[in-house]
Amino acid sequence: MLLVLPGSPWGLIGASLAILLKPVITIISLMVMTLVAQRAGLFDRLLSAVLRLARGDGRRLFFWLFWVGVPTGALFTNDAAVLILTPLVCLLLRNAPGLSPLPYLFAVLNIANLVAALVISNPINIVVAHYFNIDFLDYASWMALPALVAAVSTYLALRWYFRGEIAASRPPLPESAAEPLSLFARWSAGLIAMIMLAAFLGPRIGLPLWLVMSGGACLLLLAGRVAGGIAPVGVIRGVAWDVLVFVIGFFILVNGLRASGMSGHIGALIGRLAGDDPIGLVLSTGVVAAFSSALMNNHPTAYVMALAIHDMGTSPLLHKVLAFAQLIGGDLGPKMLPIGSLAALLWFRILRDHGIAVPYRLYVKIGVPVTLIALCLALLVLVGEVYWVTGGALFSLPGAPP
């Protein structure tokens, strides 16, 4: 693409990196925080707590695995949720022959592909929110309710689909009471709580998210060195640098597509679907983002749609609402096809490494209806929020021209 497009490729690369610098710092910081928390044993402790709460009942295990996993994915990103929870569940299944594997594996998959309640819950949210200048608190205030509705509808749909397997499952009982948390684990948990509080309060005191997260990651590395004997270099080596290359490469590619007019075509498609109706514009944006994410992965979809929305002739508030709509579609849509998200690809790879085969047909059979239910409900909640905030004034104005 860089060879074919007219003009200097270095200008396109430089412009892309200028946009991505702070989001990439945030993503690296989150990866470091996740690795430190993992080495502190916090995720193993979570699984032990889930087993104690389950008390040998498959239905209780499904409930607690899902609802403990949701905030875990929100705090440590969806890819981290897959990388952490999937091996733990595979290990649990290996040691518990009475468990039916599919309900619990699909619970983890769906935990990683929900509407993100926090901007840090998904790398695409970080990039798009930074592009539209949406801060941590503003994002959470708009997306918390659509995220909750999507999570509840997804849980109920999966619970109904797997009702037989869940009822017949018999998880093991914990062998003994949990040991006290180590000093390193307590420090890590306390620092993570402080970092999240700082992320919420940061916009009020002018502290940018990338600075909060990078500072928090440095504190966790220091805690790991002092209390856990963990060398910071070892943690930094564990960062998924290939994922960052993936994100940067796709954003440069999409910026090039924008230069060739692709984002304008997508904006025109959304405009034709919506007509002159702003509500239709919001719904069309979310639906196009969802199906595009399923077909060609949510990373390129999120970036090209962000550029398309930016180029639309709409008000700043509608720009922001459309960004939220596209992220709802980009977060949920990947569940419809296996290639839709990096989290899904990682999920399949981990299952293959553990000798577990999940047919693609089953993935699609479950993913399409579960996704469409959650997508429709989440988008309708977003529309309702806009009505509540603006008193319906936003939707009395004409939308983007078709």
Protein backbone atom coordinates (compact mmCIF):
# COMPACT_ATOMS: atom_id res chain seq x y z
CA MET A 1 0.00 0.00 0.00
CA LEU A 2 2.79 2.41 0.90
CA LEU A 3 4.43 1.74 -2.47
CA VAL A 4 1.23 2.25 -4.45
CA LEU A 5 -0.18 5.38 -2.79
CA PRO A 6 1.03 8.72 -4.15
CA GLY A 7 3.17 10.91 -1.94
CA SER A 8 5.75 10.14 0.71
CA PRO A 9 5.08 6.99 2.75
CA TRP A 10 6.95 8.53 5.69
CA GLY A 11 4.33 11.25 6.02
CA LEU A 12 1.58 8.64 6.33
CA ILE A 13 3.59 6.56 8.82
CA GLY A 14 4.47 9.65 10.88
CA ALA A 15 0.86 10.86 10.99
CA SER A 16 -0.34 7.38 12.09
CA LEU A 17 2.30 7.05 14.81
CA ALA A 18 1.50 10.54 16.12
CA ILE A 19 -2.11 9.43 16.66
CA LEU A 20 -1.13 6.05 18.13
CA LEU A 21 1.69 7.06 20.49
CA LYS A 22 -0.41 7.63 23.62
CA PRO A 23 -2.84 4.73 22.98
CA VAL A 24 0.11 2.35 22.48
CA ILE A 25 1.70 3.54 25.74
CA THR A 26 -1.63 2.79 27.45
CA ILE A 27 -1.84 -0.69 25.89
CA ILE A 28 1.75 -1.55 26.89
CA SER A 29 1.05 -0.35 30.44
CA LEU A 30 -2.05 -2.56 30.66
CA MET A 31 -0.06 -5.57 29.44
CA VAL A 32 2.59 -4.93 32.10
CA MET A 33 -0.09 -4.61 34.80
CA THR A 34 -1.67 -7.88 33.66
CA LEU A 35 1.65 -9.75 33.72
CA VAL A 36 2.49 -8.50 37.22
CA ALA A 37 -0.98 -9.44 38.51
CA GLN A 38 -0.63 -12.88 36.96
CA ARG A 39 2.77 -13.45 38.57
CA ALA A 40 1.34 -12.29 41.88
CA GLY A 41 -1.17 -15.15 41.68
CA LEU A 42 -4.26 -12.92 41.60
CA PHE A 43 -5.91 -14.79 38.72
CA ASP A 44 -5.34 -18.21 40.27
CA ARG A 45 -6.90 -16.81 43.44
CA LEU A 46 -9.91 -15.66 41.39
CA LEU A 47 -10.47 -19.17 40.03
CA SER A 48 -10.16 -20.65 43.53
CA ALA A 49 -12.74 -18.14 44.78
CA VAL A 50 -15.08 -19.09 41.92
CA LEU A 51 -14.79 -22.79 42.84
CA ARG A 52 -15.56 -22.06 46.49
CA LEU A 53 -18.60 -20.01 45.49
CA ALA A 54 -19.77 -22.78 43.12
CA ARG A 55 -19.90 -25.36 45.95
CA GLY A 56 -19.91 -28.29 43.53
CA ASP A 57 -22.83 -27.01 41.44
CA GLY A 58 -22.39 -26.49 37.67
CA ARG A 59 -24.99 -23.71 37.52
CA ARG A 60 -23.33 -21.76 40.29
CA LEU A 61 -19.93 -22.28 38.64
CA PHE A 62 -21.22 -20.87 35.35
CA PHE A 63 -22.76 -17.88 37.11
CA TRP A 64 -19.68 -16.99 39.11
CA LEU A 65 -17.20 -17.70 36.32
CA PHE A 66 -19.09 -15.33 34.03
CA TRP A 67 -19.67 -12.52 36.52
CA VAL A 68 -16.18 -12.67 38.04
CA GLY A 69 -14.73 -12.79 34.54
CA VAL A 70 -16.62 -9.72 33.28
CA PRO A 71 -14.86 -7.19 35.56
CA THR A 72 -11.58 -9.07 35.05
CA GLY A 73 -11.86 -8.55 31.30
CA ALA A 74 -12.91 -4.93 31.82
CA LEU A 75 -9.83 -4.17 33.93
CA PHE A 76 -7.19 -6.20 32.08
CA THR A 77 -8.46 -6.00 28.43
CA ASN A 78 -10.35 -8.64 26.52
CA ASP A 79 -7.24 -10.28 25.05
CA ALA A 80 -5.76 -10.63 28.53
CA ALA A 81 -9.01 -12.19 29.77
CA VAL A 82 -8.72 -14.89 27.10
CA LEU A 83 -5.01 -15.46 27.72
CA ILE A 84 -5.53 -15.75 31.48
CA LEU A 85 -8.94 -17.37 31.95
CA THR A 86 -8.92 -19.89 29.08
CA PRO A 87 -5.85 -21.85 30.34
CA LEU A 88 -7.25 -21.76 33.88
CA VAL A 89 -10.58 -23.21 32.70
CA CYS A 90 -8.76 -25.83 30.59
CA LEU A 91 -6.78 -26.85 33.66
CA LEU A 92 -10.00 -27.03 35.69
CA LEU A 93 -11.64 -29.20 33.02
CA ARG A 94 -8.66 -31.56 32.96
CA ASN A 95 -8.94 -32.10 36.71
CA ALA A 96 -12.74 -32.34 36.75
CA PRO A 97 -14.06 -35.10 34.46
CA GLY A 98 -17.61 -34.31 35.60
CA LEU A 99 -17.57 -30.91 33.90
CA SER A 100 -19.00 -30.37 30.42
CA PRO A 101 -16.37 -28.13 28.76
CA LEU A 102 -18.32 -26.10 26.22
CA PRO A 103 -20.46 -23.89 28.52
CA TYR A 104 -17.46 -22.69 30.49
CA LEU A 105 -15.19 -22.21 27.48
CA PHE A 106 -17.87 -20.19 25.67
CA ALA A 107 -18.40 -18.17 28.84
CA VAL A 108 -14.74 -17.11 28.71
CA LEU A 109 -14.97 -16.34 24.98
CA ASN A 110 -18.01 -14.13 25.50
CA ILE A 111 -16.46 -12.40 28.51
CA ALA A 112 -13.72 -11.28 26.11
CA ASN A 113 -16.19 -10.04 23.48
CA LEU A 114 -18.65 -7.90 25.41
CA VAL A 115 -19.35 -4.19 25.16
CA ALA A 116 -16.45 -2.66 27.03
CA ALA A 117 -17.61 -0.73 30.09
CA LEU A 118 -14.18 0.93 30.40
CA VAL A 119 -12.05 2.47 27.70
CA ILE A 120 -9.13 0.23 28.75
CA SER A 121 -11.13 -2.98 28.22
CA ASN A 122 -10.25 -3.35 24.54
CA PRO A 123 -7.34 -1.97 22.48
CA ILE A 124 -9.71 -0.68 19.79
CA ASN A 125 -11.56 1.37 22.42
CA ILE A 126 -8.32 3.00 23.53
CA VAL A 127 -7.38 4.04 19.99
CA VAL A 128 -10.86 5.24 18.96
CA ALA A 129 -11.55 7.08 22.23
CA HIS A 130 -8.22 8.88 22.00
CA TYR A 131 -8.96 9.80 18.37
CA PHE A 132 -12.28 11.42 19.37
CA ASN A 133 -10.85 12.91 22.58
CA ILE A 134 -13.17 10.87 24.86
CA ASP A 135 -11.73 10.65 28.36
CA PHE A 136 -11.97 7.73 30.81
CA LEU A 137 -14.86 9.07 32.88
CA ASP A 138 -16.89 10.28 29.89
CA TYR A 139 -16.52 6.90 28.19
CA ALA A 140 -17.59 4.97 31.30
CA SER A 141 -20.62 7.21 31.92
CA TRP A 142 -21.96 6.48 28.42
CA MET A 143 -20.95 2.86 27.98
CA ALA A 144 -21.54 1.32 31.42
CA LEU A 145 -25.28 0.75 30.88
CA PRO A 146 -25.00 -0.66 27.31
CA ALA A 147 -22.21 -2.91 28.61
CA LEU A 148 -24.35 -4.15 31.49
CA VAL A 149 -27.33 -4.85 29.22
CA ALA A 150 -25.11 -6.68 26.72
CA ALA A 151 -23.54 -8.75 29.51
CA VAL A 152 -26.89 -9.73 31.05
CA SER A 153 -28.42 -10.67 27.69
CA THR A 154 -25.31 -12.66 26.72
CA TYR A 155 -25.29 -14.50 30.04
CA LEU A 156 -28.98 -15.40 29.81
CA ALA A 157 -28.66 -16.56 26.20
CA LEU A 158 -25.66 -18.78 26.96
CA ARG A 159 -27.27 -20.04 30.15
CA TRP A 160 -30.36 -21.08 28.18
CA TYR A 161 -28.44 -22.64 25.28
CA PHE A 162 -26.22 -24.76 27.54
CA ARG A 163 -28.84 -25.39 30.25
CA GLY A 164 -28.56 -29.18 30.01
CA GLU A 165 -24.76 -29.36 30.13
CA ILE A 166 -24.56 -26.82 32.94
CA ALA A 167 -27.11 -28.63 35.09
CA ALA A 168 -25.29 -31.95 34.64
CA SER A 169 -21.82 -30.55 35.45
CA ARG A 170 -20.18 -31.30 38.78
CA PRO A 171 -17.24 -29.01 39.53
CA PRO A 172 -14.75 -30.10 42.20
CA LEU A 173 -14.91 -28.76 45.71
CA PRO A 174 -11.85 -26.83 46.97
CA GLU A 175 -9.56 -29.16 48.87
CA SER A 176 -8.79 -26.69 51.66
CA ALA A 177 -9.22 -23.12 52.76
CA ALA A 178 -7.34 -20.56 50.72
CA GLU A 179 -3.96 -19.50 52.02
CA PRO A 180 -3.50 -15.84 52.97
CA LEU A 181 -2.45 -13.55 50.13
CA SER A 182 1.27 -12.93 49.90
CA LEU A 183 2.68 -9.46 50.51
CA PHE A 184 3.34 -9.15 46.77
CA ALA A 185 -0.28 -10.08 45.93
CA ARG A 186 -1.65 -7.59 48.46
CA TRP A 187 0.57 -4.81 47.12
CA SER A 188 -0.44 -5.62 43.55
CA ALA A 189 -4.16 -5.68 44.33
CA GLY A 190 -3.95 -2.41 46.25
CA LEU A 191 -1.96 -0.67 43.52
CA ILE A 192 -4.36 -1.84 40.79
CA ALA A 193 -7.29 -0.46 42.81
CA MET A 194 -5.46 2.87 43.19
CA ILE A 195 -4.68 2.98 39.45
CA MET A 196 -8.34 2.43 38.56
CA LEU A 197 -9.38 5.18 40.98
CA ALA A 198 -6.82 7.52 39.44
CA ALA A 199 -8.12 6.67 35.96
CA PHE A 200 -11.64 7.71 37.00
CA LEU A 201 -10.47 10.89 38.74
CA GLY A 202 -7.84 11.80 36.15
CA PRO A 203 -10.16 13.75 33.80
CA ARG A 204 -11.27 15.97 36.69
CA ILE A 205 -7.72 17.02 37.52
CA GLY A 206 -6.32 17.06 33.99
CA LEU A 207 -4.35 13.82 34.28
CA PRO A 208 -4.36 11.94 30.95
CA LEU A 209 -5.10 8.21 30.88
CA TRP A 210 -1.79 7.24 29.27
CA LEU A 211 0.10 8.95 32.09
CA VAL A 212 -2.01 7.26 34.80
CA MET A 213 -1.54 3.82 33.26
CA SER A 214 2.17 4.17 32.52
CA GLY A 215 2.82 5.51 36.03
CA GLY A 216 0.77 2.69 37.53
CA ALA A 217 2.66 0.10 35.48
CA CYS A 218 5.98 1.48 36.77
CA LEU A 219 4.72 1.26 40.36
CA LEU A 220 3.63 -2.34 39.83
CA LEU A 221 7.02 -3.21 38.34
CA LEU A 222 8.65 -1.66 41.41
CA ALA A 223 6.34 -3.64 43.71
CA GLY A 224 7.19 -6.81 41.82
CA ARG A 225 10.89 -6.12 42.25
CA VAL A 226 10.71 -5.24 45.95
CA ALA A 227 8.02 -7.63 47.24
CA GLY A 228 8.03 -10.40 44.63
CA GLY A 229 11.64 -10.63 43.52
CA ILE A 230 10.57 -10.25 39.88
CA ALA A 231 12.98 -8.61 37.48
CA PRO A 232 11.25 -5.81 35.51
CA VAL A 233 13.13 -6.87 32.37
CA GLY A 234 11.46 -10.29 32.50
CA VAL A 235 8.02 -8.71 32.69
CA ILE A 236 8.75 -6.31 29.82
CA ARG A 237 9.93 -9.22 27.68
CA GLY A 238 6.57 -10.87 28.29
CA VAL A 239 4.67 -7.99 26.69
CA ALA A 240 2.94 -9.11 23.49
CA TRP A 241 4.98 -6.88 21.20
CA ASP A 242 3.61 -8.71 18.15
CA VAL A 243 0.12 -7.49 19.07
CA LEU A 244 1.38 -3.90 19.11
CA VAL A 245 2.95 -4.37 15.66
CA PHE A 246 -0.43 -5.77 14.54
CA VAL A 247 -2.28 -2.69 15.87
CA ILE A 248 0.20 -0.17 14.43
CA GLY A 249 0.37 -1.91 11.06
CA PHE A 250 -3.39 -2.03 10.71
CA PHE A 251 -3.78 1.63 11.63
CA ILE A 252 -1.20 2.66 9.01
CA LEU A 253 -3.01 0.49 6.47
CA VAL A 254 -6.36 2.06 7.32
CA ASN A 255 -4.91 5.57 7.15
CA GLY A 256 -3.76 4.69 3.66
CA LEU A 257 -7.24 3.45 2.79
CA ARG A 258 -8.58 6.77 4.00
CA ALA A 259 -6.21 8.58 1.66
CA SER A 260 -7.57 6.46 -1.19
CA GLY A 261 -11.18 7.37 -0.30
CA MET A 262 -12.27 4.16 1.48
CA SER A 263 -13.52 5.88 4.64
CA GLY A 264 -15.67 8.19 2.52
CA HIS A 265 -17.34 5.18 0.87
CA ILE A 266 -18.09 3.64 4.26
CA GLY A 267 -19.55 6.91 5.53
CA ALA A 268 -21.72 7.10 2.40
CA LEU A 269 -22.91 3.50 2.96
CA ILE A 270 -23.95 4.30 6.54
CA GLY A 271 -25.68 7.46 5.32
CA ARG A 272 -27.64 5.54 2.66
CA LEU A 273 -28.73 2.94 5.22
CA ALA A 274 -29.84 5.60 7.70
CA GLY A 275 -31.33 8.12 5.31
CA ASP A 276 -31.78 11.46 7.06
CA ASP A 277 -32.65 9.93 10.44
CA PRO A 278 -30.06 10.36 13.24
CA ILE A 279 -31.47 7.34 15.12
CA GLY A 280 -31.04 5.28 11.98
CA LEU A 281 -27.52 6.68 11.68
CA VAL A 282 -26.61 5.42 15.18
CA LEU A 283 -28.17 1.98 14.59
CA SER A 284 -26.67 1.63 11.11
CA THR A 285 -23.22 2.54 12.41
CA GLY A 286 -23.39 -0.15 15.09
CA VAL A 287 -24.73 -2.82 12.72
CA VAL A 288 -22.20 -2.06 9.96
CA ALA A 289 -19.38 -2.13 12.54
CA ALA A 290 -20.59 -5.48 13.92
CA PHE A 291 -20.83 -7.29 10.58
CA SER A 292 -17.64 -5.72 9.23
CA SER A 293 -15.79 -6.78 12.40
CA ALA A 294 -17.02 -10.35 11.99
CA LEU A 295 -15.93 -10.46 8.35
CA MET A 296 -12.58 -8.68 8.46
CA ASN A 297 -11.59 -8.39 12.15
CA ASN A 298 -12.55 -5.61 14.54
CA HIS A 299 -9.21 -3.78 14.49
CA PRO A 300 -9.27 -2.57 10.88
CA THR A 301 -13.04 -2.07 11.10
CA ALA A 302 -12.74 0.15 14.18
CA TYR A 303 -10.01 2.29 12.67
CA VAL A 304 -11.55 2.79 9.24
CA MET A 305 -14.97 3.53 10.74
CA ALA A 306 -13.46 6.05 13.15
CA LEU A 307 -11.97 7.88 10.22
CA ALA A 308 -15.26 7.63 8.29
CA ILE A 309 -17.23 9.06 11.24
CA HIS A 310 -14.67 11.84 11.68
CA ASP A 311 -15.16 12.82 8.03
CA MET A 312 -18.97 12.99 8.34
CA GLY A 313 -20.59 16.39 8.52
CA THR A 314 -22.27 15.95 11.91
CA SER A 315 -22.22 17.74 15.26
CA PRO A 316 -19.49 16.94 17.83
CA LEU A 317 -22.02 15.21 20.10
CA LEU A 318 -23.32 13.01 17.28
CA HIS A 319 -19.71 12.27 16.35
CA LYS A 320 -19.17 10.95 19.87
CA VAL A 321 -22.41 8.94 19.90
CA LEU A 322 -21.50 7.36 16.55
CA ALA A 323 -18.07 6.48 17.96
CA PHE A 324 -19.80 4.68 20.83
CA ALA A 325 -22.13 2.91 18.38
CA GLN A 326 -19.23 1.70 16.29
CA LEU A 327 -17.41 0.43 19.39
CA ILE A 328 -20.52 -1.46 20.53
CA GLY A 329 -20.58 -3.14 17.12
CA GLY A 330 -16.81 -3.67 17.12
CA ASP A 331 -16.81 -5.19 20.61
CA LEU A 332 -19.76 -7.55 20.02
CA GLY A 333 -19.59 -8.32 16.30
CA PRO A 334 -16.46 -10.51 16.38
CA LYS A 335 -18.41 -13.26 18.17
CA MET A 336 -20.25 -14.07 14.93
CA LEU A 337 -17.22 -15.44 13.05
CA PRO A 338 -13.94 -16.94 14.33
CA ILE A 339 -11.77 -14.38 12.48
CA GLY A 340 -13.58 -11.43 14.05
CA SER A 341 -11.17 -10.57 16.84
CA LEU A 342 -7.70 -11.28 18.12
CA ALA A 343 -9.29 -12.58 21.34
CA ALA A 344 -11.22 -15.25 19.40
CA LEU A 345 -8.09 -16.30 17.47
CA LEU A 346 -6.17 -16.59 20.75
CA TRP A 347 -9.04 -18.61 22.25
CA PHE A 348 -8.94 -21.15 19.43
CA ARG A 349 -5.15 -21.39 19.61
CA ILE A 350 -5.17 -22.04 23.37
CA LEU A 351 -7.87 -24.70 22.99
CA ARG A 352 -5.86 -26.47 20.28
CA ASP A 353 -2.78 -26.39 22.53
CA HIS A 354 -4.86 -28.16 25.21
CA GLY A 355 -6.26 -30.72 22.79
CA ILE A 356 -9.80 -29.29 22.78
CA ALA A 357 -11.61 -28.99 19.44
CA VAL A 358 -14.53 -26.58 18.96
CA PRO A 359 -16.13 -26.78 15.49
CA TYR A 360 -16.42 -23.48 13.63
CA ARG A 361 -20.03 -24.37 12.83
CA LEU A 362 -20.86 -24.46 16.56
CA TYR A 363 -19.06 -21.15 17.09
CA VAL A 364 -21.21 -19.50 14.42
CA LYS A 365 -24.41 -21.24 15.54
CA ILE A 366 -24.00 -19.84 19.05
CA GLY A 367 -22.30 -16.57 18.18
CA VAL A 368 -24.72 -15.11 15.65
CA PRO A 369 -27.97 -15.14 17.72
CA VAL A 370 -26.21 -14.25 20.99
CA THR A 371 -24.43 -11.34 19.30
CA LEU A 372 -27.49 -9.98 17.50
CA ILE A 373 -29.57 -9.97 20.71
CA ALA A 374 -26.87 -8.17 22.69
CA LEU A 375 -26.11 -5.78 19.80
CA CYS A 376 -29.72 -4.66 19.35
CA LEU A 377 -30.30 -4.17 23.07
CA ALA A 378 -27.02 -2.28 23.62
CA LEU A 379 -27.64 0.07 20.67
CA LEU A 380 -31.19 0.77 21.84
CA VAL A 381 -29.85 1.59 25.32
CA LEU A 382 -27.34 4.00 23.75
CA VAL A 383 -30.17 5.71 21.82
CA GLY A 384 -32.16 5.93 25.06
CA GLU A 385 -29.21 7.53 26.84
CA VAL A 386 -28.93 10.17 24.12
CA TYR A 387 -32.64 10.96 24.49
CA TRP A 388 -32.21 11.24 28.25
CA VAL A 389 -29.12 13.48 28.06
CA THR A 390 -30.34 15.79 25.28
CA GLY A 391 -34.09 15.63 25.86
CA GLY A 392 -34.45 14.31 22.31
CA ALA A 393 -32.91 17.48 20.85
CA LEU A 394 -30.06 15.62 19.13
CA PHE A 395 -32.42 13.38 17.20
CA SER A 396 -34.57 16.29 16.04
CA LEU A 397 -31.67 17.47 13.88
CA PRO A 398 -30.80 16.05 10.47
CA GLY A 399 -28.12 13.42 10.46
CA ALA A 400 -25.17 12.97 8.14
CA PRO A 401 -26.01 13.58 4.49
CA PRO A 402 -26.37 10.28 2.58
